[in-house]
Amino acid sequence: MNKQNVSLKSFLIRTCMAMGFMISPLSLVVLGNSAGMMGHWYLWTIPIVAIINLWTAYCYARLPDESGSEAPKIHVKIDSKWVLTALQLASLVPFCIGVSTLILAMAGYALNEIFLYWFPNLLFSICFLILIVAVNFINPSASERLQIISVVIFMGAMMLLLIMGYSNWGDSVFENQNGFHMPYVDWRSLVLVFWLFMAAELAVYHDAVQQNRRSQTFSLMAAFVTAGAIFLLWWQISLHFVPLERLADSTVPHSIAARAISGENGRKIMGVAILTGSFASVNTLLAGVSAVIHSMVRSQQIFPVLNRKMLGGNAVMMILFIGILCMLLTGMAGKDITVTVTRSAFYLWLISHAVFNAFAIRKLLHSSGKKNKRLTLPGSFAVMVYAVGAVVLIATDPDMTISLFFIVGFIVISILTMIFSRLLPYKPVKNLFT
């Protein structure tokens, strides 16, 4: 019975870590805006995008390095591995800092405008960040328990809103057009749906750091199916209660839909979802990106000094924390440049997924089993979709020139970091996680 309890807890931790970024308030913004731009016709994009991202997360979980390292890696030539590492470093670090800043700002505004009008939103954002980091420093297991609690509360709040929405289905106050007369396909909104299912591989890296790789496939499937079901239902509910134009143009389409469903009560329930989703997403990003960088450090790709037992093994998280804190303190959460940086890093993340799937195909082609070789078809499809998606998003970005500048800049900084790390003398130290 004890083993069963441990197994269930591990399953919940992995599932909730994989779902962490999916349920961020920014995902609700992307979902609402996409629903407003595309209507009911494009509900099919959610399950298809979920399957593609699930495949990528599955490859991270099922294709470990042949040397026996716990970190999820693809065993390829060192030059090729450098390409993937450079792209991961160039995308994940700026994305984590930029998107965490935006999410924490949204959490601060939600608390200030919905619950505690007297509490400064910036102060809450900073305190919230300190809380997340402090719990990870002091008691990582407590952080995992809070992750489960936050995801469960988020799901409960969304389910309550969905039940209220279907119960009040006949109370919609406008003539619902549902997008059946869309004159063209909004390709940018179509590809942005990938945002909803990103970051599940961070849970795989987090598991690797904890040296726990059992039953990852079921956890990933549970995370994607649960999040996908909520997104499908909320897309439908939002279209029924809110005009397309308001959903497409609003910066808070989820709050508008919640208020349309049940007035102020609906808005407060959505406020709870925003706060818990913010904790889960920032916690996943900080823990997951830290784990990714640790895997690079262990393989001596970047700064081996970070492998020393500094700050209880949380040196990388401290660096990310300082970056996010500086962004909040300097008011960058309200600047357009922060959104542009975050979008640029997201495009790079899609490119890194395309490269990773290309490496996974190479791995499968060199395997001995015919069954594995047949899996190259979904891998090839994923490479094409990620690559085309990144091109579409970059080409349609409202600040394309600036985005390209950031993309090139992030890659250059990443490559220089790796080169500089190679030039430093390396003295082996005891592995931090053994």
Protein backbone atom coordinates (compact mmCIF):
# COMPACT_ATOMS: atom_id res chain seq x y z
CA MET A 1 0.00 0.00 0.00
CA ASN A 2 2.89 2.27 0.81
CA LYS A 3 4.37 1.62 -2.64
CA GLN A 4 1.01 2.36 -4.23
CA ASN A 5 0.80 5.68 -2.41
CA VAL A 6 4.32 6.60 -3.50
CA SER A 7 3.52 5.59 -7.08
CA LEU A 8 0.34 7.69 -7.10
CA LYS A 9 2.17 10.68 -5.67
CA SER A 10 4.93 10.36 -8.28
CA PHE A 11 2.32 10.09 -11.02
CA LEU A 12 0.56 13.24 -9.77
CA ILE A 13 3.83 15.18 -9.49
CA ARG A 14 4.89 14.29 -13.03
CA THR A 15 1.45 15.02 -14.46
CA CYS A 16 1.11 18.35 -12.67
CA MET A 17 4.64 19.41 -13.63
CA ALA A 18 3.90 18.56 -17.27
CA MET A 19 0.66 20.57 -17.09
CA GLY A 20 2.25 23.49 -15.26
CA PHE A 21 2.89 25.84 -18.16
CA MET A 22 -0.18 24.67 -20.08
CA ILE A 23 -2.47 26.19 -17.45
CA SER A 24 -0.72 29.55 -17.22
CA PRO A 25 -2.92 32.66 -17.56
CA LEU A 26 -1.09 33.47 -20.79
CA SER A 27 -2.33 30.17 -22.21
CA LEU A 28 -5.87 31.31 -21.43
CA VAL A 29 -5.15 34.55 -23.29
CA VAL A 30 -3.83 32.69 -26.34
CA LEU A 31 -6.81 30.31 -26.20
CA GLY A 32 -9.36 33.13 -26.01
CA ASN A 33 -7.76 35.25 -28.74
CA SER A 34 -7.43 32.22 -31.04
CA ALA A 35 -11.07 31.30 -30.46
CA GLY A 36 -12.09 34.85 -31.36
CA MET A 37 -9.99 34.86 -34.52
CA MET A 38 -10.95 31.39 -35.78
CA GLY A 39 -14.32 30.44 -34.33
CA HIS A 40 -15.71 26.91 -34.04
CA TRP A 41 -14.27 25.78 -37.35
CA TYR A 42 -10.78 25.38 -35.89
CA LEU A 43 -11.47 23.40 -32.74
CA TRP A 44 -9.67 20.50 -34.46
CA THR A 45 -6.35 22.34 -34.06
CA ILE A 46 -6.28 21.67 -30.31
CA PRO A 47 -6.15 17.83 -30.44
CA ILE A 48 -3.74 17.82 -33.41
CA VAL A 49 -1.30 20.24 -31.76
CA ALA A 50 -1.61 18.32 -28.49
CA ILE A 51 -0.66 15.06 -30.25
CA ILE A 52 2.38 16.63 -31.94
CA ASN A 53 3.68 18.12 -28.69
CA LEU A 54 2.91 14.88 -26.84
CA TRP A 55 5.03 13.03 -29.39
CA THR A 56 7.94 15.40 -28.77
CA ALA A 57 7.64 15.09 -24.99
CA TYR A 58 7.43 11.29 -25.41
CA CYS A 59 10.69 11.31 -27.40
CA TYR A 60 12.39 13.27 -24.63
CA ALA A 61 11.20 10.66 -22.13
CA ARG A 62 11.93 7.53 -24.17
CA LEU A 63 15.23 8.30 -25.88
CA PRO A 64 17.84 8.62 -23.12
CA ASP A 65 21.54 8.95 -23.79
CA GLU A 66 23.24 5.62 -24.46
CA SER A 67 25.95 6.38 -21.93
CA GLY A 68 23.42 5.78 -19.16
CA SER A 69 23.05 9.37 -18.00
CA GLU A 70 19.77 10.15 -16.32
CA ALA A 71 19.30 13.36 -18.32
CA PRO A 72 17.17 12.95 -21.45
CA LYS A 73 19.51 13.24 -24.44
CA ILE A 74 19.82 12.11 -28.01
CA HIS A 75 23.11 10.31 -28.70
CA VAL A 76 24.50 12.11 -31.78
CA LYS A 77 27.79 13.50 -32.98
CA ILE A 78 29.12 16.26 -30.77
CA ASP A 79 28.78 18.93 -33.48
CA SER A 80 25.12 18.05 -33.98
CA LYS A 81 24.50 17.95 -30.24
CA TRP A 82 25.92 21.46 -30.02
CA VAL A 83 23.20 22.68 -32.36
CA LEU A 84 20.41 21.36 -30.14
CA THR A 85 22.07 22.56 -26.93
CA ALA A 86 22.63 26.03 -28.38
CA LEU A 87 18.98 26.29 -29.44
CA GLN A 88 17.70 25.06 -26.07
CA LEU A 89 19.89 27.51 -24.18
CA ALA A 90 18.96 30.36 -26.54
CA SER A 91 15.24 29.74 -26.20
CA LEU A 92 14.57 28.44 -22.69
CA VAL A 93 16.48 30.99 -20.62
CA PRO A 94 15.02 34.17 -22.19
CA PHE A 95 11.61 32.52 -22.43
CA CYS A 96 11.63 31.55 -18.75
CA ILE A 97 12.64 35.05 -17.63
CA GLY A 98 10.32 36.89 -20.03
CA VAL A 99 7.21 34.78 -19.67
CA SER A 100 7.57 34.42 -15.88
CA THR A 101 7.70 38.22 -15.64
CA LEU A 102 4.48 38.51 -17.65
CA ILE A 103 2.71 35.75 -15.71
CA LEU A 104 3.64 37.19 -12.31
CA ALA A 105 2.42 40.61 -13.45
CA MET A 106 -0.91 39.07 -14.46
CA ALA A 107 -1.16 37.38 -11.06
CA GLY A 108 -0.50 40.72 -9.34
CA TYR A 109 -3.20 42.47 -11.34
CA ALA A 110 -5.65 39.63 -10.69
CA LEU A 111 -5.17 39.88 -6.93
CA ASN A 112 -5.34 43.68 -6.96
CA GLU A 113 -8.37 44.03 -9.23
CA ILE A 114 -10.43 41.02 -8.10
CA PHE A 115 -9.64 40.30 -4.44
CA LEU A 116 -7.49 42.84 -2.56
CA TYR A 117 -7.79 46.32 -4.05
CA TRP A 118 -5.47 47.81 -1.41
CA PHE A 119 -2.58 45.42 -2.07
CA PRO A 120 -0.02 46.75 -4.63
CA ASN A 121 0.11 44.47 -7.63
CA LEU A 122 3.89 44.80 -8.11
CA LEU A 123 4.56 43.98 -4.47
CA PHE A 124 2.44 40.85 -4.76
CA SER A 125 4.24 39.78 -7.97
CA ILE A 126 7.59 40.08 -6.20
CA CYS A 127 6.37 38.30 -3.06
CA PHE A 128 4.84 35.55 -5.19
CA LEU A 129 8.16 35.04 -7.00
CA ILE A 130 10.10 34.96 -3.72
CA LEU A 131 7.63 32.41 -2.33
CA ILE A 132 8.05 30.07 -5.31
CA VAL A 133 11.85 30.25 -5.21
CA ALA A 134 12.06 30.01 -1.41
CA VAL A 135 9.95 26.84 -1.32
CA ASN A 136 12.18 25.26 -3.99
CA PHE A 137 15.28 26.20 -2.01
CA ILE A 138 14.07 25.14 1.42
CA ASN A 139 11.93 22.10 0.66
CA PRO A 140 11.65 20.85 -2.96
CA SER A 141 9.16 18.17 -1.93
CA ALA A 142 6.88 20.90 -0.57
CA SER A 143 7.16 22.65 -3.91
CA GLU A 144 5.98 19.47 -5.62
CA ARG A 145 3.04 19.16 -3.24
CA LEU A 146 2.10 22.80 -3.86
CA GLN A 147 2.34 22.10 -7.59
CA ILE A 148 -0.24 19.34 -7.24
CA ILE A 149 -2.51 21.52 -5.09
CA SER A 150 -2.32 24.47 -7.48
CA VAL A 151 -3.09 22.35 -10.55
CA VAL A 152 -6.01 20.63 -8.80
CA ILE A 153 -7.48 23.97 -7.67
CA PHE A 154 -7.05 25.39 -11.17
CA MET A 155 -8.84 22.40 -12.66
CA GLY A 156 -11.59 22.68 -10.06
CA ALA A 157 -12.11 26.37 -10.81
CA MET A 158 -12.25 25.78 -14.56
CA MET A 159 -14.59 22.83 -14.18
CA LEU A 160 -16.89 24.94 -11.99
CA LEU A 161 -16.96 27.68 -14.64
CA LEU A 162 -17.65 25.11 -17.36
CA ILE A 163 -20.53 23.60 -15.36
CA MET A 164 -21.96 27.06 -14.73
CA GLY A 165 -21.56 27.89 -18.41
CA TYR A 166 -23.45 24.85 -19.63
CA SER A 167 -26.09 25.39 -16.95
CA ASN A 168 -26.59 28.98 -18.16
CA TRP A 169 -26.31 28.07 -21.83
CA GLY A 170 -29.60 29.72 -22.72
CA ASP A 171 -28.68 32.99 -21.03
CA SER A 172 -26.28 34.19 -23.74
CA VAL A 173 -27.10 37.86 -24.40
CA PHE A 174 -25.88 38.16 -27.99
CA GLU A 175 -26.61 36.48 -31.27
CA ASN A 176 -23.81 33.94 -31.51
CA GLN A 177 -22.16 33.94 -34.96
CA ASN A 178 -19.46 31.41 -34.00
CA GLY A 179 -17.16 32.33 -36.87
CA PHE A 180 -18.96 30.41 -39.61
CA HIS A 181 -18.34 33.28 -42.04
CA MET A 182 -14.61 33.62 -41.56
CA PRO A 183 -13.30 34.97 -44.91
CA TYR A 184 -9.76 33.60 -44.47
CA VAL A 185 -7.59 31.42 -42.27
CA ASP A 186 -5.63 33.33 -39.65
CA TRP A 187 -2.43 31.32 -39.85
CA ARG A 188 -0.77 33.11 -36.95
CA SER A 189 -3.61 32.27 -34.55
CA LEU A 190 -3.59 28.72 -35.91
CA VAL A 191 0.10 28.17 -35.15
CA LEU A 192 -0.03 30.00 -31.81
CA VAL A 193 -2.10 27.09 -30.51
CA PHE A 194 1.27 25.34 -30.03
CA TRP A 195 1.78 27.68 -27.07
CA LEU A 196 -0.96 25.84 -25.17
CA PHE A 197 0.96 22.55 -24.97
CA MET A 198 4.56 23.64 -24.58
CA ALA A 199 7.01 22.80 -21.79
CA ALA A 200 5.94 19.22 -21.03
CA GLU A 201 9.53 18.09 -21.67
CA LEU A 202 10.61 20.25 -18.73
CA ALA A 203 8.85 17.74 -16.48
CA VAL A 204 10.98 15.00 -18.08
CA TYR A 205 14.19 16.88 -17.25
CA HIS A 206 12.89 17.54 -13.73
CA ASP A 207 12.28 13.81 -13.31
CA ALA A 208 15.81 13.11 -14.53
CA VAL A 209 17.26 15.39 -11.87
CA GLN A 210 15.21 13.55 -9.27
CA GLN A 211 16.43 10.26 -10.81
CA ASN A 212 12.86 9.12 -11.33
CA ARG A 213 11.95 7.99 -14.84
CA ARG A 214 9.15 5.48 -14.20
CA SER A 215 5.78 5.70 -15.96
CA GLN A 216 6.54 9.04 -17.61
CA THR A 217 4.51 8.12 -20.67
CA PHE A 218 1.25 7.74 -18.73
CA SER A 219 1.89 10.99 -16.86
CA LEU A 220 2.48 12.87 -20.08
CA MET A 221 -0.64 11.40 -21.67
CA ALA A 222 -2.72 12.32 -18.62
CA ALA A 223 -1.40 15.90 -18.70
CA PHE A 224 -2.12 16.41 -22.41
CA VAL A 225 -5.55 14.76 -22.35
CA THR A 226 -6.67 16.72 -19.28
CA ALA A 227 -5.41 20.07 -20.54
CA GLY A 228 -6.74 19.40 -24.06
CA ALA A 229 -10.22 18.59 -22.75
CA ILE A 230 -10.33 21.79 -20.68
CA PHE A 231 -9.13 23.88 -23.63
CA LEU A 232 -11.71 22.37 -26.00
CA LEU A 233 -14.59 22.98 -23.62
CA TRP A 234 -13.46 26.50 -22.67
CA TRP A 235 -13.03 27.41 -26.35
CA GLN A 236 -16.63 26.36 -26.98
CA ILE A 237 -18.00 28.12 -23.89
CA SER A 238 -16.13 31.34 -24.67
CA LEU A 239 -17.52 31.45 -28.21
CA HIS A 240 -21.04 30.97 -26.92
CA PHE A 241 -20.98 33.74 -24.32
CA VAL A 242 -18.67 36.36 -25.85
CA PRO A 243 -18.69 37.98 -29.32
CA LEU A 244 -15.82 37.00 -31.58
CA GLU A 245 -14.46 40.54 -31.79
CA ARG A 246 -14.15 40.91 -28.01
CA LEU A 247 -12.38 37.58 -27.67
CA ALA A 248 -9.97 38.39 -30.49
CA ASP A 249 -9.05 41.89 -29.28
CA SER A 250 -9.07 41.54 -25.49
CA THR A 251 -5.95 41.11 -23.35
CA VAL A 252 -8.07 39.20 -20.81
CA PRO A 253 -10.56 37.15 -22.88
CA HIS A 254 -10.78 34.50 -20.14
CA SER A 255 -11.96 37.06 -17.58
CA ILE A 256 -14.52 38.47 -20.01
CA ALA A 257 -15.89 34.98 -20.65
CA ALA A 258 -16.01 34.17 -16.93
CA ARG A 259 -17.95 37.35 -16.18
CA ALA A 260 -20.35 36.66 -19.07
CA ILE A 261 -20.99 33.20 -17.61
CA SER A 262 -21.71 34.19 -14.02
CA GLY A 263 -21.07 37.86 -13.39
CA GLU A 264 -18.81 38.82 -10.49
CA ASN A 265 -18.80 35.28 -9.10
CA GLY A 266 -17.46 33.98 -12.40
CA ARG A 267 -14.77 36.66 -12.38
CA LYS A 268 -13.67 35.66 -8.87
CA ILE A 269 -13.54 31.98 -9.79
CA MET A 270 -11.38 32.89 -12.78
CA GLY A 271 -9.21 34.95 -10.42
CA VAL A 272 -8.54 31.80 -8.40
CA ALA A 273 -7.64 29.96 -11.62
CA ILE A 274 -5.24 32.76 -12.62
CA LEU A 275 -3.43 32.75 -9.26
CA THR A 276 -3.08 28.97 -9.03
CA GLY A 277 -2.17 28.66 -12.70
CA SER A 278 0.48 31.35 -12.21
CA PHE A 279 2.10 29.41 -9.38
CA ALA A 280 2.06 26.14 -11.33
CA SER A 281 3.48 27.68 -14.51
CA VAL A 282 6.29 29.72 -12.92
CA ASN A 283 7.20 26.79 -10.68
CA THR A 284 7.41 24.47 -13.70
CA LEU A 285 9.50 26.94 -15.68
CA LEU A 286 11.98 27.62 -12.87
CA ALA A 287 12.39 23.97 -11.86
CA GLY A 288 12.30 22.64 -15.43
CA VAL A 289 14.68 25.13 -17.05
CA SER A 290 17.06 24.72 -14.10
CA ALA A 291 17.01 20.96 -14.73
CA VAL A 292 17.71 21.44 -18.45
CA ILE A 293 20.74 23.62 -17.70
CA HIS A 294 21.95 21.15 -15.07
CA SER A 295 21.89 18.41 -17.72
CA MET A 296 24.08 20.63 -19.92
CA VAL A 297 26.44 21.27 -17.00
CA ARG A 298 26.73 17.56 -16.21
CA SER A 299 27.70 16.85 -19.81
CA GLN A 300 30.29 19.69 -19.60
CA GLN A 301 28.62 21.71 -22.37
CA ILE A 302 28.37 24.90 -20.33
CA PHE A 303 30.07 26.22 -17.19
CA PRO A 304 31.06 23.09 -15.22
CA VAL A 305 31.46 25.33 -12.16
CA LEU A 306 27.68 25.25 -11.82
CA ASN A 307 28.00 21.56 -11.00
CA ARG A 308 29.53 22.44 -7.66
CA LYS A 309 27.33 22.28 -4.59
CA MET A 310 26.41 25.95 -4.47
CA LEU A 311 23.25 27.30 -2.87
CA GLY A 312 22.09 23.76 -2.17
CA GLY A 313 22.24 22.92 -5.87
CA ASN A 314 20.01 25.84 -6.84
CA ALA A 315 22.58 28.16 -8.42
CA VAL A 316 20.82 28.05 -11.81
CA MET A 317 17.45 28.80 -10.25
CA MET A 318 19.00 31.72 -8.38
CA ILE A 319 20.28 33.16 -11.67
CA LEU A 320 16.80 32.85 -13.21
CA PHE A 321 15.27 34.37 -10.06
CA ILE A 322 17.57 37.40 -10.22
CA GLY A 323 16.73 37.89 -13.90
CA ILE A 324 12.96 37.80 -13.28
CA LEU A 325 13.25 40.01 -10.18
CA CYS A 326 15.22 42.63 -12.12
CA MET A 327 12.57 42.58 -14.85
CA LEU A 328 9.81 43.18 -12.29
CA LEU A 329 11.67 45.89 -10.39
CA THR A 330 12.52 47.83 -13.56
CA GLY A 331 8.92 47.80 -14.76
CA MET A 332 9.62 45.57 -17.76
CA ALA A 333 6.39 43.61 -17.18
CA GLY A 334 4.48 46.51 -18.71
CA LYS A 335 6.79 47.05 -21.68
CA ASP A 336 6.10 45.83 -25.21
CA ILE A 337 9.74 44.79 -25.54
CA THR A 338 9.21 42.05 -22.94
CA VAL A 339 6.39 40.56 -25.01
CA THR A 340 8.59 40.71 -28.12
CA VAL A 341 11.48 38.99 -26.32
CA THR A 342 9.14 36.27 -25.07
CA ARG A 343 7.64 35.69 -28.52
CA SER A 344 11.11 35.52 -30.09
CA ALA A 345 12.23 32.92 -27.55
CA PHE A 346 9.05 30.95 -28.23
CA TYR A 347 9.83 30.85 -31.95
CA LEU A 348 13.31 29.55 -31.12
CA TRP A 349 11.76 26.92 -28.87
CA LEU A 350 9.68 25.64 -31.80
CA ILE A 351 12.83 25.50 -33.92
CA SER A 352 14.62 23.54 -31.19
CA HIS A 353 11.72 21.05 -31.19
CA ALA A 354 12.14 20.63 -34.95
CA VAL A 355 15.87 19.99 -34.52
CA PHE A 356 15.26 17.59 -31.63
CA ASN A 357 12.80 15.56 -33.70
CA ALA A 358 15.35 15.42 -36.53
CA PHE A 359 17.86 13.95 -34.08
CA ALA A 360 15.21 11.52 -32.82
CA ILE A 361 14.64 10.36 -36.41
CA ARG A 362 18.37 9.74 -36.81
CA LYS A 363 18.33 7.72 -33.60
CA LEU A 364 15.39 5.63 -34.81
CA LEU A 365 16.93 5.03 -38.24
CA HIS A 366 20.09 3.68 -36.62
CA SER A 367 18.13 1.37 -34.33
CA SER A 368 17.78 -2.32 -35.13
CA GLY A 369 14.03 -2.71 -34.73
CA LYS A 370 11.66 -2.27 -37.67
CA LYS A 371 9.00 -0.96 -35.29
CA ASN A 372 11.27 1.90 -34.24
CA LYS A 373 12.04 2.77 -37.85
CA ARG A 374 8.32 3.08 -38.59
CA LEU A 375 8.17 5.79 -35.95
CA THR A 376 10.21 8.07 -38.20
CA LEU A 377 6.99 9.06 -40.00
CA PRO A 378 5.43 10.97 -37.06
CA GLY A 379 8.89 12.37 -36.30
CA SER A 380 9.24 13.70 -39.86
CA PHE A 381 5.76 15.21 -39.67
CA ALA A 382 6.67 16.92 -36.39
CA VAL A 383 9.87 18.37 -37.90
CA MET A 384 7.90 19.83 -40.80
CA VAL A 385 5.12 21.26 -38.64
CA TYR A 386 7.47 22.86 -36.11
CA ALA A 387 9.68 24.34 -38.82
CA VAL A 388 6.77 25.71 -40.85
CA GLY A 389 5.09 26.98 -37.69
CA ALA A 390 8.19 28.90 -36.63
CA VAL A 391 8.52 30.46 -40.10
CA VAL A 392 4.85 31.49 -40.13
CA LEU A 393 5.08 33.07 -36.68
CA ILE A 394 8.27 34.97 -37.47
CA ALA A 395 6.92 36.17 -40.83
CA THR A 396 3.64 37.37 -39.27
CA ASP A 397 5.14 38.89 -36.12
CA PRO A 398 4.07 42.54 -35.73
CA ASP A 399 7.69 43.37 -34.83
CA MET A 400 9.39 40.97 -37.23
CA THR A 401 12.65 42.92 -37.56
CA ILE A 402 13.08 43.24 -33.80
CA SER A 403 12.13 39.57 -33.32
CA LEU A 404 14.76 38.47 -35.83
CA PHE A 405 17.30 40.65 -34.04
CA PHE A 406 16.50 38.93 -30.73
CA ILE A 407 16.51 35.46 -32.28
CA VAL A 408 19.95 35.98 -33.81
CA GLY A 409 21.17 37.64 -30.62
CA PHE A 410 20.00 34.79 -28.39
CA ILE A 411 21.70 32.22 -30.66
CA VAL A 412 24.96 34.18 -30.77
CA ILE A 413 25.02 34.62 -26.99
CA SER A 414 24.26 30.91 -26.53
CA ILE A 415 27.08 29.83 -28.86
CA LEU A 416 29.55 32.24 -27.25
CA THR A 417 28.58 30.90 -23.82
CA MET A 418 29.27 27.34 -24.92
CA ILE A 419 32.59 28.28 -26.54
CA PHE A 420 33.72 30.25 -23.49
CA SER A 421 32.76 27.32 -21.26
CA ARG A 422 34.97 25.01 -23.33
CA LEU A 423 37.94 27.36 -22.88
CA LEU A 424 37.70 27.31 -19.09
CA PRO A 425 39.76 24.68 -17.24
CA TYR A 426 37.56 21.90 -15.90
CA LYS A 427 38.22 20.16 -12.61
CA PRO A 428 35.88 17.21 -12.03
CA VAL A 429 33.76 17.50 -8.90
CA LYS A 430 31.42 15.10 -7.22
CA ASN A 431 28.09 15.02 -9.03
CA LEU A 432 25.61 17.18 -7.20
CA PHE A 433 22.76 14.72 -7.63
CA THR A 434 24.47 11.51 -6.48
